[in-house]
């Protein structure tokens, strides 16, 4: 198969769809790999690194799309790429269709085969291709939240870990999934007091077993959310509904109950956000303020640490890319049910029910 790795063109996205090591494995298996010139620069991988393992470097993104049977990338195609996607071409990436009707319509029109990293699902319900980026984003949520709690950037002026004689900051984590667990771990490591909410008692029991005593669990409901937002300094939204829009757990009217300078980091922004006032931002302009509450909702948080993120992503995507390349998408998806669940759009038809339900088609 001919596989193309284009340069990401989303704002401040420095990750790349495949490391040189991943390309090496594909070429070793007899496949041809085209890499756009400069695609790996942001992650620390040069054209020469790809050439040394046998990749062919192409100058433009248009050439990569035109000459490839499968496109492997990181983020969903943006508007400038819509016309480049070809009928029958496999596009393997993060799509998050439920958050963008325009993207969904464009991919339907292209008649491509769209396989979404975020809906590839194992038998136990875990999402193997979403997990590493959720781990990165959960940890980054605390780094960014701690920074924006500083007074010069309009935060409350709270040091999360506190100091002797001064109580530590308080972190509220919505969701005890991968993002929530990683956020809680990082916050607890800094010495903050952490409250983590979820509707799944099995997850809360797990958190209670593995986290230190200053991480406490409570069942998630509107009463408890309204209670805790009044006293917590940093709120992390880590809620995920597979392939669907995130529920709005914090509504605009709740902002008035928060202290001025409270920081919200909504990691669920890729799926529409779990805060009603969330809107996607970029690393270039990451925050905005509503009712004196600082909102951080960068839609590609792991893109700020591209070396770590690209390595972690290729670790988990490569086996699936190899399967698709070796067998073709139909045989690969028939053989592997995890991969089959990644199918979102096939040749002009939505095949993932949560997307249909989101747009009521």
Protein backbone atom coordinates (compact mmCIF):
# COMPACT_ATOMS: atom_id res chain seq x y z
CA UNK A 1 0.00 0.00 0.00
CA UNK A 2 1.03 3.61 -0.54
CA UNK A 3 0.87 5.55 2.72
CA UNK A 4 1.09 9.32 3.01
CA UNK A 5 2.14 11.35 6.05
CA UNK A 6 1.27 15.02 5.50
CA UNK A 7 2.43 17.98 7.55
CA UNK A 8 -0.18 19.07 10.08
CA UNK A 9 -1.53 22.53 9.23
CA UNK A 10 -3.89 23.12 12.14
CA UNK A 11 -2.88 26.15 14.22
CA UNK A 12 0.19 25.39 16.35
CA UNK A 13 0.03 21.66 15.69
CA UNK A 14 3.59 20.32 15.70
CA UNK A 15 2.92 16.60 15.98
CA UNK A 16 3.32 14.28 13.01
CA UNK A 17 1.37 11.13 12.15
CA UNK A 18 4.32 8.73 12.15
CA UNK A 19 7.84 8.65 13.56
CA UNK A 20 10.78 7.47 11.43
CA UNK A 21 10.72 4.23 13.44
CA UNK A 22 7.10 3.67 12.44
CA UNK A 23 7.89 4.42 8.80
CA UNK A 24 10.76 1.92 8.97
CA UNK A 25 8.34 -0.84 10.02
CA UNK A 26 5.93 -0.01 7.19
CA UNK A 27 8.69 -0.04 4.58
CA UNK A 28 10.12 -3.26 6.02
CA UNK A 29 6.70 -4.81 5.38
CA UNK A 30 6.87 -3.84 1.71
CA UNK A 31 4.85 -0.62 1.70
CA UNK A 32 5.70 2.74 0.16
CA UNK A 33 5.63 5.80 2.44
CA UNK A 34 5.49 9.39 1.24
CA UNK A 35 6.27 12.06 3.85
CA UNK A 36 5.69 15.75 3.22
CA UNK A 37 8.85 17.83 3.52
CA UNK A 38 9.12 19.26 7.02
CA UNK A 39 6.27 17.15 8.41
CA UNK A 40 8.34 15.97 11.35
CA UNK A 41 10.30 19.15 12.06
CA UNK A 42 8.12 20.24 14.95
CA UNK A 43 8.52 16.88 16.66
CA UNK A 44 12.28 16.78 16.16
CA UNK A 45 12.31 14.43 13.15
CA UNK A 46 14.06 15.78 10.04
CA UNK A 47 13.53 14.86 6.39
CA UNK A 48 16.87 13.04 6.53
CA UNK A 49 15.60 10.84 9.36
CA UNK A 50 12.72 9.66 7.18
CA UNK A 51 14.88 9.28 4.09
CA UNK A 52 17.34 7.10 5.99
CA UNK A 53 14.60 4.55 6.67
CA UNK A 54 13.40 4.59 3.06
CA UNK A 55 10.63 7.20 2.95
CA UNK A 56 10.16 9.38 -0.12
CA UNK A 57 9.94 13.10 0.64
CA UNK A 58 7.37 15.12 -1.30
CA UNK A 59 7.30 18.91 -1.40
CA UNK A 60 3.62 19.67 -0.96
CA UNK A 61 0.61 18.45 0.97
CA UNK A 62 -1.30 18.17 -2.29
CA UNK A 63 1.24 15.69 -3.65
CA UNK A 64 0.98 13.54 -0.52
CA UNK A 65 -2.81 13.30 -0.73
CA UNK A 66 -2.81 12.78 -4.49
CA UNK A 67 -0.29 9.93 -4.45
CA UNK A 68 -1.43 8.00 -1.35
CA UNK A 69 -3.97 5.25 -0.81
CA UNK A 70 -4.00 5.86 2.95
CA UNK A 71 -3.33 9.07 4.85
CA UNK A 72 -1.98 8.76 8.40
CA UNK A 73 -2.06 11.98 10.38
CA UNK A 74 -2.81 13.41 13.81
CA UNK A 75 -5.62 15.95 13.62
CA UNK A 76 -8.75 16.08 11.51
CA UNK A 77 -8.46 17.63 8.06
CA UNK A 78 -9.16 21.36 8.20
CA UNK A 79 -11.00 23.32 5.53
CA UNK A 80 -7.95 23.75 3.30
CA UNK A 81 -7.58 19.96 3.17
CA UNK A 82 -11.19 19.03 2.41
CA UNK A 83 -10.72 19.12 -1.35
CA UNK A 84 -7.52 17.06 -1.14
CA UNK A 85 -9.21 13.98 0.32
CA UNK A 86 -10.03 11.52 -2.47
CA UNK A 87 -12.85 9.09 -3.08
CA UNK A 88 -11.93 5.66 -1.72
CA UNK A 89 -8.91 7.00 0.18
CA UNK A 90 -8.44 5.78 3.75
CA UNK A 91 -7.89 8.61 6.23
CA UNK A 92 -6.73 7.43 9.66
CA UNK A 93 -6.60 10.20 12.25
CA UNK A 94 -8.43 11.88 15.14
CA UNK A 95 -11.69 13.17 13.65
CA UNK A 96 -14.08 14.05 16.53
CA UNK A 97 -16.90 14.35 14.00
CA UNK A 98 -19.54 15.04 16.65
CA UNK A 99 -18.01 18.46 17.30
CA UNK A 100 -18.09 19.62 13.65
CA UNK A 101 -20.96 19.24 11.21
CA UNK A 102 -18.89 21.01 8.52
CA UNK A 103 -16.10 18.43 8.76
CA UNK A 104 -18.63 15.59 8.73
CA UNK A 105 -20.34 16.98 5.63
CA UNK A 106 -17.00 17.47 3.87
CA UNK A 107 -15.86 13.91 4.51
CA UNK A 108 -19.22 12.55 3.38
CA UNK A 109 -18.85 14.51 0.16
CA UNK A 110 -15.31 13.17 -0.36
CA UNK A 111 -16.53 9.54 -0.24
CA UNK A 112 -13.36 8.59 1.65
CA UNK A 113 -13.06 5.91 4.33
CA UNK A 114 -12.67 7.78 7.60
CA UNK A 115 -11.31 5.74 10.50
CA UNK A 116 -11.18 7.70 13.74
CA UNK A 117 -8.49 7.03 16.31
CA UNK A 118 -10.81 8.10 19.11
CA UNK A 119 -13.48 5.42 18.47
CA UNK A 120 -11.19 2.39 18.01
CA UNK A 121 -12.34 0.37 21.01
CA UNK A 122 -11.08 -2.78 22.71
CA UNK A 123 -13.35 -5.50 24.10
CA UNK A 124 -13.07 -4.08 27.61
CA UNK A 125 -14.34 -0.68 26.44
CA UNK A 126 -10.97 1.07 26.53
CA UNK A 127 -9.90 3.37 23.71
CA UNK A 128 -6.31 2.37 22.91
CA UNK A 129 -5.59 5.15 20.40
CA UNK A 130 -7.14 7.91 22.48
CA UNK A 131 -5.50 6.84 25.74
CA UNK A 132 -1.95 8.19 25.22
CA UNK A 133 -3.15 11.64 24.14
CA UNK A 134 -5.62 11.68 27.03
CA UNK A 135 -2.72 10.87 29.34
CA UNK A 136 -0.74 13.79 27.93
CA UNK A 137 -3.73 16.16 28.04
CA UNK A 138 -4.67 15.18 31.59
CA UNK A 139 -1.16 15.88 32.85
CA UNK A 140 -0.92 19.09 30.85
CA UNK A 141 -4.25 20.29 32.27
CA UNK A 142 -2.60 20.71 35.65
CA UNK A 143 0.53 22.36 34.23
CA UNK A 144 -1.57 24.88 32.32
CA UNK A 145 -4.08 25.33 35.12
CA UNK A 146 -1.32 26.05 37.61
CA UNK A 147 0.16 28.65 35.27
CA UNK A 148 -3.12 30.44 34.65
CA UNK A 149 -3.90 30.58 38.35
CA UNK A 150 -1.11 33.14 38.54
CA UNK A 151 -2.28 36.72 39.07
CA UNK A 152 -0.47 38.31 36.07
CA UNK A 153 -2.68 36.20 33.78
CA UNK A 154 -5.86 37.05 35.75
CA UNK A 155 -5.91 33.95 37.93
CA UNK A 156 -6.64 33.83 41.67
CA UNK A 157 -2.98 34.01 42.62
CA UNK A 158 -2.99 30.55 44.18
CA UNK A 159 -0.01 28.18 44.28
CA UNK A 160 -1.50 24.71 43.90
CA UNK A 161 0.93 23.04 46.29
CA UNK A 162 0.74 25.76 48.92
CA UNK A 163 3.67 26.31 51.30
CA UNK A 164 4.19 25.57 54.99
CA UNK A 165 1.59 27.50 56.91
CA UNK A 166 -0.60 28.08 53.83
CA UNK A 167 -3.22 25.60 52.64
CA UNK A 168 -2.72 24.09 49.17
CA UNK A 169 -4.95 24.92 46.25
CA UNK A 170 -8.06 22.92 45.46
CA UNK A 171 -8.57 21.07 42.17
CA UNK A 172 -11.93 19.72 41.02
CA UNK A 173 -11.74 17.02 38.34
CA UNK A 174 -14.89 16.13 36.40
CA UNK A 175 -14.58 12.56 35.17
CA UNK A 176 -12.49 9.65 36.44
CA UNK A 177 -11.41 8.40 33.03
CA UNK A 178 -7.90 8.58 31.64
CA UNK A 179 -7.81 12.39 31.58
CA UNK A 180 -9.22 12.68 35.07
CA UNK A 181 -6.90 10.08 36.59
CA UNK A 182 -3.82 11.70 35.05
CA UNK A 183 -4.92 15.18 36.10
CA UNK A 184 -5.57 14.01 39.65
CA UNK A 185 -2.20 12.26 39.78
CA UNK A 186 -0.35 15.41 38.68
CA UNK A 187 -2.31 17.70 40.99
CA UNK A 188 -1.80 15.36 43.92
CA UNK A 189 1.91 15.21 43.14
CA UNK A 190 2.08 18.99 43.48
CA UNK A 191 0.42 18.72 46.86
CA UNK A 192 -2.99 20.12 45.88
CA UNK A 193 -6.23 18.95 47.46
CA UNK A 194 -8.13 17.08 44.73
CA UNK A 195 -11.81 16.18 44.43
CA UNK A 196 -12.72 13.87 41.55
CA UNK A 197 -16.33 13.33 40.46
CA UNK A 198 -17.79 10.58 38.28
CA UNK A 199 -21.05 8.68 37.82
CA UNK A 200 -19.25 5.32 37.64
CA UNK A 201 -18.79 3.91 41.13
CA UNK A 202 -16.29 1.32 39.88
CA UNK A 203 -14.03 4.13 38.68
CA UNK A 204 -14.43 6.00 41.95
CA UNK A 205 -13.52 2.88 43.93
CA UNK A 206 -10.44 2.47 41.75
CA UNK A 207 -9.41 6.09 42.33
CA UNK A 208 -9.98 5.68 46.05
CA UNK A 209 -7.72 2.62 46.08
CA UNK A 210 -4.79 4.01 44.10
CA UNK A 211 -4.67 7.70 45.00
CA UNK A 212 -3.23 9.29 48.16
CA UNK A 213 -5.57 10.47 50.94
CA UNK A 214 -5.68 14.09 49.70
CA UNK A 215 -7.54 12.89 46.58
CA UNK A 216 -11.19 12.40 47.52
CA UNK A 217 -14.02 11.00 45.44
CA UNK A 218 -17.68 11.94 45.19
CA UNK A 219 -20.54 10.90 42.96
CA UNK A 220 -21.11 13.33 40.12
CA UNK A 221 -24.41 15.14 40.03
CA UNK A 222 -25.49 18.75 39.59
CA UNK A 223 -25.81 19.33 43.35
CA UNK A 224 -22.23 18.23 44.04
CA UNK A 225 -20.85 20.14 41.07
CA UNK A 226 -22.59 23.34 42.17
CA UNK A 227 -21.28 22.80 45.71
CA UNK A 228 -17.64 22.29 44.74
CA UNK A 229 -17.23 25.00 42.09
CA UNK A 230 -17.73 27.58 44.86
CA UNK A 231 -14.60 26.51 46.71
CA UNK A 232 -12.18 25.05 44.14
CA UNK A 233 -9.45 27.02 42.40
CA UNK A 234 -8.90 24.89 39.30
CA UNK A 235 -11.59 22.86 37.51
CA UNK A 236 -10.60 20.22 34.95
CA UNK A 237 -13.22 18.90 32.52
CA UNK A 238 -12.30 15.36 31.54
CA UNK A 239 -15.65 13.86 30.55
CA UNK A 240 -15.91 11.69 27.44
CA UNK A 241 -18.85 10.04 25.69
CA UNK A 242 -17.38 7.84 22.95
CA UNK A 243 -17.93 9.46 19.57
CA UNK A 244 -20.59 11.84 20.90
CA UNK A 245 -20.73 15.38 22.24
CA UNK A 246 -19.69 15.86 25.85
CA UNK A 247 -22.50 16.67 28.31
CA UNK A 248 -22.65 20.26 29.61
CA UNK A 249 -21.92 19.71 33.31
CA UNK A 250 -21.13 23.37 34.05
CA UNK A 251 -23.61 25.88 32.68
CA UNK A 252 -23.07 29.59 32.15
CA UNK A 253 -25.15 30.52 35.19
CA UNK A 254 -22.77 28.53 37.41
CA UNK A 255 -19.86 30.87 36.64
CA UNK A 256 -21.28 33.50 38.99
CA UNK A 257 -20.84 31.06 41.89
CA UNK A 258 -17.08 30.75 41.27
CA UNK A 259 -14.51 33.05 42.83
CA UNK A 260 -12.98 35.57 40.41
CA UNK A 261 -9.82 34.10 38.93
CA UNK A 262 -10.99 30.49 39.08
CA UNK A 263 -9.50 28.56 36.14
CA UNK A 264 -11.37 26.04 33.99
CA UNK A 265 -9.36 23.70 31.76
CA UNK A 266 -11.86 21.91 29.52
CA UNK A 267 -10.01 18.95 28.02
CA UNK A 268 -13.32 17.77 26.52
CA UNK A 269 -13.24 20.66 24.04
CA UNK A 270 -12.55 18.24 21.15
CA UNK A 271 -16.00 16.79 21.77
CA UNK A 272 -17.70 20.15 22.24
CA UNK A 273 -16.63 20.69 25.87
CA UNK A 274 -18.33 19.83 29.15
CA UNK A 275 -18.66 23.52 30.06
CA UNK A 276 -21.38 25.52 28.34
CA UNK A 277 -19.10 28.53 27.84
CA UNK A 278 -16.29 26.49 26.26
CA UNK A 279 -15.10 27.47 22.80
CA UNK A 280 -12.00 26.05 21.08
CA UNK A 281 -8.82 28.09 21.49
CA UNK A 282 -5.25 27.69 20.27
CA UNK A 283 -1.80 27.55 21.83
CA UNK A 284 -1.26 30.97 20.30
CA UNK A 285 -4.25 32.48 22.13
CA UNK A 286 -5.19 29.86 24.74
CA UNK A 287 -7.48 31.63 27.21
CA UNK A 288 -10.47 33.93 27.46
CA UNK A 289 -12.37 35.24 30.47
CA UNK A 290 -16.11 35.15 31.10
CA UNK A 291 -17.59 36.47 34.36
CA UNK A 292 -14.05 36.72 35.80
CA UNK A 293 -13.49 32.98 35.23
CA UNK A 294 -10.43 32.04 33.16
CA UNK A 295 -11.21 29.48 30.44
CA UNK A 296 -8.42 27.39 28.88
CA UNK A 297 -9.77 25.22 26.05
CA UNK A 298 -7.01 24.50 23.56
CA UNK A 299 -8.33 21.87 21.16
CA UNK A 300 -4.97 20.16 20.62
CA UNK A 301 -3.25 20.34 23.99
CA UNK A 302 -0.76 17.50 23.31
CA UNK A 303 0.48 19.48 20.30
CA UNK A 304 2.46 21.66 22.72
CA UNK A 305 4.70 18.70 23.59
CA UNK A 306 5.02 17.17 20.11
CA UNK A 307 8.03 14.94 20.65
CA UNK A 308 6.44 13.12 23.58
CA UNK A 309 3.03 13.07 21.93
CA UNK A 310 4.21 11.81 18.54
CA UNK A 311 6.24 9.02 20.11
CA UNK A 312 3.33 7.99 22.33
CA UNK A 313 0.85 8.11 19.43
CA UNK A 314 2.95 6.05 17.01
CA UNK A 315 3.47 3.44 19.74
CA UNK A 316 -0.24 2.66 19.66
CA UNK A 317 -1.27 3.46 16.07
CA UNK A 318 1.46 1.53 14.25
CA UNK A 319 -0.03 -1.97 14.73
CA UNK A 320 -3.33 -0.75 13.27
CA UNK A 321 -1.63 1.09 10.40
CA UNK A 322 0.27 -2.10 9.56
CA UNK A 323 -2.91 -4.14 9.64
CA UNK A 324 -4.71 -1.69 7.34
CA UNK A 325 -1.73 -1.58 4.97
CA UNK A 326 -1.20 -5.35 4.92
CA UNK A 327 -4.82 -6.41 4.50
CA UNK A 328 -6.65 -3.39 3.10
CA UNK A 329 -9.26 -1.53 5.13
CA UNK A 330 -12.19 -3.91 4.55
CA UNK A 331 -10.38 -7.12 5.47
CA UNK A 332 -8.58 -5.42 8.36
CA UNK A 333 -11.82 -4.09 9.85
CA UNK A 334 -13.60 -7.41 9.35
CA UNK A 335 -10.79 -9.26 11.10
CA UNK A 336 -10.25 -6.77 13.93
CA UNK A 337 -13.37 -5.63 15.77
CA UNK A 338 -11.49 -2.91 17.63
CA UNK A 339 -10.51 -1.35 14.33
CA UNK A 340 -14.00 -1.92 12.95
CA UNK A 341 -15.37 0.38 15.64
CA UNK A 342 -13.06 3.09 14.32
CA UNK A 343 -15.05 3.26 11.08
CA UNK A 344 -17.02 6.51 11.15
CA UNK A 345 -17.69 7.34 7.50
CA UNK A 346 -17.47 4.93 4.57
CA UNK A 347 -17.78 6.16 1.00
CA UNK A 348 -20.38 8.83 1.67
CA UNK A 349 -22.27 7.14 4.50
CA UNK A 350 -22.06 7.68 8.27
CA UNK A 351 -21.66 4.27 9.91
CA UNK A 352 -21.13 5.37 13.53
CA UNK A 353 -24.47 5.79 15.28
CA UNK A 354 -23.38 8.48 17.75
CA UNK A 355 -22.58 10.81 14.84
CA UNK A 356 -26.00 10.17 13.30
CA UNK A 357 -27.64 10.89 16.65
CA UNK A 358 -25.61 14.07 17.14
CA UNK A 359 -26.77 15.63 13.88
CA UNK A 360 -30.16 13.85 13.79
CA UNK A 361 -29.67 12.69 10.22
